[in-house]
Amino acid sequence: MNNVWQVQDAKARFSELLETSLNKGPQIVTKRGVETAVLVPIQQWRQLEQMNRPSLKELLLAPEARTENLTPPRKRQPQRRPPNFE
């Protein structure tokens, strides 16, 4: 069987869909002929997540500011008058 499943077949034969995904890779589920979802093995999903997560080095070297929203703006304090020692 190819890697495309209609939603009603995927629902009716979910165990087979899961096994096929584990043995042959990602399986596409269609709804009314439109590709709607993909079932992938968990190891492959975690690899994809890890690839999209920036490293600490990338975060630190990023050109955009990272602390704008972390520190509140300073309030303007009224100036004190200097003491008069006369």
Protein backbone atom coordinates (compact mmCIF):
# COMPACT_ATOMS: atom_id res chain seq x y z
CA MET A 1 0.00 0.00 0.00
CA ASN A 2 1.19 3.54 -0.69
CA ASN A 3 1.61 6.15 2.03
CA VAL A 4 -1.71 7.97 1.47
CA TRP A 5 -4.80 7.02 3.47
CA GLN A 6 -8.33 8.35 3.25
CA VAL A 7 -9.61 9.48 6.64
CA GLN A 8 -12.30 6.79 6.82
CA ASP A 9 -9.70 4.08 6.09
CA ALA A 10 -7.30 5.59 8.63
CA LYS A 11 -10.02 5.53 11.29
CA ALA A 12 -11.17 2.02 10.47
CA ARG A 13 -7.65 0.56 10.24
CA PHE A 14 -5.71 2.76 12.68
CA SER A 15 -3.56 -0.11 14.01
CA GLU A 16 -2.46 -0.91 10.46
CA LEU A 17 -1.80 2.80 9.78
CA LEU A 18 0.33 2.99 12.92
CA GLU A 19 2.33 -0.13 12.06
CA THR A 20 2.88 1.10 8.50
CA SER A 21 4.10 4.41 9.85
CA LEU A 22 6.57 2.66 12.15
CA ASN A 23 7.84 0.30 9.43
CA LYS A 24 7.71 2.41 6.27
CA GLY A 25 7.85 6.01 7.50
CA PRO A 26 5.39 8.91 7.45
CA GLN A 27 1.82 8.23 6.32
CA ILE A 28 -0.41 10.95 4.87
CA VAL A 29 -4.12 11.14 5.73
CA THR A 30 -6.50 12.85 3.29
CA LYS A 31 -9.94 14.28 3.91
CA ARG A 32 -12.12 14.66 0.83
CA GLY A 33 -9.03 14.25 -1.33
CA VAL A 34 -7.04 17.00 0.42
CA GLU A 35 -3.86 16.09 2.32
CA THR A 36 -4.76 16.95 5.92
CA ALA A 37 -2.43 15.20 8.37
CA VAL A 38 0.70 13.09 8.62
CA LEU A 39 1.43 10.27 11.03
CA VAL A 40 5.16 10.00 11.76
CA PRO A 41 7.09 7.80 14.19
CA ILE A 42 7.91 9.57 17.46
CA GLN A 43 11.69 9.42 16.87
CA GLN A 44 11.32 11.22 13.58
CA TRP A 45 8.99 13.80 15.17
CA ARG A 46 11.54 14.53 17.93
CA GLN A 47 14.30 14.95 15.34
CA LEU A 48 12.15 17.46 13.46
CA GLU A 49 11.43 19.37 16.67
CA GLN A 50 15.11 19.43 17.61
CA MET A 51 16.10 20.72 14.17
CA ASN A 52 13.71 23.68 14.53
CA ARG A 53 14.77 24.62 18.07
CA PRO A 54 17.48 27.30 18.17
CA SER A 55 20.59 26.53 20.17
CA LEU A 56 21.77 28.70 23.05
CA LYS A 57 24.54 30.05 20.83
CA GLU A 58 22.03 31.05 18.14
CA LEU A 59 19.86 32.80 20.73
CA LEU A 60 22.80 34.72 22.18
CA LEU A 61 24.10 35.77 18.76
CA ALA A 62 20.68 36.73 17.39
CA PRO A 63 20.52 40.31 16.10
CA GLU A 64 17.13 41.06 17.62
CA ALA A 65 16.82 42.22 21.22
CA ARG A 66 15.94 39.58 23.76
CA THR A 67 15.45 41.62 26.92
CA GLU A 68 13.10 44.43 25.88
CA ASN A 69 10.12 42.91 27.62
CA LEU A 70 12.02 41.56 30.62
CA THR A 71 12.93 44.82 32.31
CA PRO A 72 10.27 47.40 33.10
CA PRO A 73 10.86 50.99 31.96
CA ARG A 74 12.44 53.27 34.53
CA LYS A 75 10.16 55.78 36.15
CA ARG A 76 11.25 59.37 36.17
CA GLN A 77 12.06 60.36 39.75
CA PRO A 78 11.69 63.95 40.90
CA GLN A 79 15.04 65.65 41.48
CA ARG A 80 15.95 66.58 45.02
CA ARG A 81 17.05 70.08 45.79
CA PRO A 82 20.61 70.38 47.07
CA PRO A 83 20.80 71.21 50.77
CA ASN A 84 21.50 74.81 51.73
CA PHE A 85 24.38 74.98 54.30
CA GLU A 86 24.31 78.68 55.08
